[in-house]
Amino acid sequence: MVIRKNSYLLLSLIIGVFLYHLVVLDKSYGEIIAPDRKINWSPGIVGGIPNYPVYVNVKNAPYNAKGDGVADDTSAIQKAIDDCPSGQTVYIPAGTYRLTSQLTILNKGIVLRGDGPDRTLLKSYSTSENIIYIYAYSSTTQTNVTSGYSKGSTSITVADSSAFGINDFILIDQDNDPAVTDGMQSYQTRAVGQMIKIAGKSGNDLTLHRPLYYSYNAAMNPRITRLNVITKAGVEDLYIERVNSGSSQDNIRFILAVNCWVKNIHSNMSERWHIRLEQSYGCEVRDSYFHDAHNHSGDHGYGVGLIKKATDNLIENNIFNRLRHSMLLEWGGSGNVFGYNYSMNPLNNDNPTDFLMSDIAVHGGHPHMNLFEGNIAAHIDLDNYLGSSSHNTFFRNHIERKSIASVTNGLWAVEIQANNLYANIVGNVLCTEGCNGEIWRIGYDKLSTTIDARVGATLLKHGNFDYVSQQTSWDPSINDQNLPESYYLSAKPSFYRSLPWPSIGPDLGVKVGVLPAKMRYFAPLPPKIILSN
C-alpha cells in the first residue's frame, strides 16, 4: 500500500512538472503570433550607450575652431576627429560651426558631442557630401555554408573557416529565391540576410551569438562574409542642418557600423536621408528630432532608414515631421525595432500634394522579422515598388491616417501591397475619432490594377480597434485576446518616467495615451527650429 501510494505521488509529481513546463515555460503556449512568424527581438546596444570621456575640445589649440557661424571650421573639427583615440570624445562646445565639406569618422569608436541641440549647431554648406560619415571598409572574405542554416540555429558549418575567428562579425545571406523574393531590383542582390557575431569556433563549425532569423535554402548558395566594422562610434547632443540643396548624400550616414549611435540630436533639412544605417548591426538612433527636406521626391526626404541587410538596430523615442518616409526598411534587414516614435505630416515631392505618403514604410528588397511597436504615425505601407517583404510585425501603434490639410487621397491607415506576406498587424488603434472611409487596403500591386491573394491569406489581423467601426476586430481562429505589453521590452522604458505604459492599445481604458515623443513636440517649449543664417 505504501509503495502504491508513493507511486501515485510520484506520478502526480511528474504530471505536475510536465504541465508546468507546458503552460509556464513554453513561451509559445497561448501566444497570438506563432513562433514561425516572429523572433525574440533584442535590438540595440547591450548595456546601453557608453559615456566616453572628453579627449579634445575643438576650440582649444591646436584646432582653434571659431564656432562663430562665419569661419569655416571643417578642418579644425576634422583634425580633432583624426587625433582622437578610440573610446574618447571630440567635444564641440556651444556655438555655430560652418562646414563646407564632410566630417569623417573611419574605423574607430569615438564620439562627437555638443552642448545640446539648442546650443551646438553644425551647419553644412556642402552640396556634394554627407554632413557626417561614419564607416569601415568592406570585406570580400567569404565561404559557403554547408549546414545548420535553419531558423533558430545557433551553429553553422562552413566550407572553410580558416579566415574567420571568434568575435568576428559576419553576414549570412543567399541568392535571391524567386519563390520568396518577388520583384527585386537589379541592385538588390542576395537580399535576405542577417549580420551576426561568431561566438565560438571548432574546426569548420561556428557558434553564433544569436539564432538565425531565417531558414536558408541550399539551392540558393548560402554563404558568410567576414565584415570589417566600425564599433561604438556616436553623435550626441547637437544640431545639424543642410543649408543648401543639391547634395546626393545624407545628413548622417553609417556603413558597416556595429553598436554605434545617434542620441539627442536635432537634424533639419535633409536632401536624401537624415540618418542612413547601411549594413549596420545593433545601432541605436534615439531621443532625437528629424524634420523637413529640400526634396521630397523618391529616395529623398527620408527620416531614419535601414538598408542593405541592417540587423538588430533600435530606432526609439524620436520625432519626425514633414518627411517623405519617416521610418523605412529597404533591401533586406531583420531583427530591427522601431519603437515609440512620433511621426506626422508625411509629404510627397517638393511641394505638398494630396496623397498620403507612408511614414512607416517597408520598401521592398525583402526586409523580414522586423518590429514596429508603440509608434504614432500617419500611414503604414508595405509596398512592392522595390520588391517583397515577409514576417514583419506592427504592434500597439496608433495610425492616425492624416497629414497636412491638402492631403485628401490615399487615406488608408494600413496598406499592404502585393508580394508582402505573413504580416502581423496586432493590437493597433487605427484612424482618429470621427474619421470615415477605408481603413485597410490589402493585396493591390503598386499600380492598383491586380490583387495578390497571398497577402490576405497570410495576413494576421488581431485585436485592432478602428474609429470607423468603433470596434476591436479579433481573428476568430485565435482564442487568445490578451495582448502582451511589449514584444521587445521586459519593463516600462525609462523615458516614460511616471507616464502609464503601454500607452496605445484597444485593451486600455484610454486607447491612445501619452507618448513621450509626442509630448516633447507639443510641450510649451517645442523642439526649436533654427533658421539658416
Foldseek 3Di string as FASTA:
>chain_A
DVVVVVVVVVVVVVVVVVVCCVPPVPVQPQDQAHPLLFDQFAFFDVVDADDAEADEELCDPPLNFDLAQPDASAVSQLVVLVPDAARHEHEYEFHEHEHAAAREHEQGAYEYEYPAAVGAEYEYAYQAHANYEYEYDWFDDKWFWDDQQAFFGQKTFTPFCPVPDAFWKKKKFFADDCVAWPQADPVLGRLAIAIWGFHDDDGRMTGTPGTDHHRDDVVRGIMMTTTRARENHEYERHEYEHADYNYPYEHYEYYRYENYEYYRYEYEAIFAEPYEYEQYGNYEYEDYEYEDYQWQEPRTFEYYEYEHAYERHEYELYEYEAGLAHYEYEREYASYEYELYEYAAHAHTNDRAQADHYNAEHDGNEYANYEYELYEEAAYEDAQPRIAYESYEYAQYEHAQDHPPSHDPNRERYEYEARYFQYEYEFYEYHDAPDEDHHYHAAHHPVRPDGDVRRVVNYHYAQYAYNHVRDTDGDPVRPDPDDDQDSHDPDDDCLCPPPDGPQAGPPDPRRHHDRSSVCQQPPPDHPDDDDRD
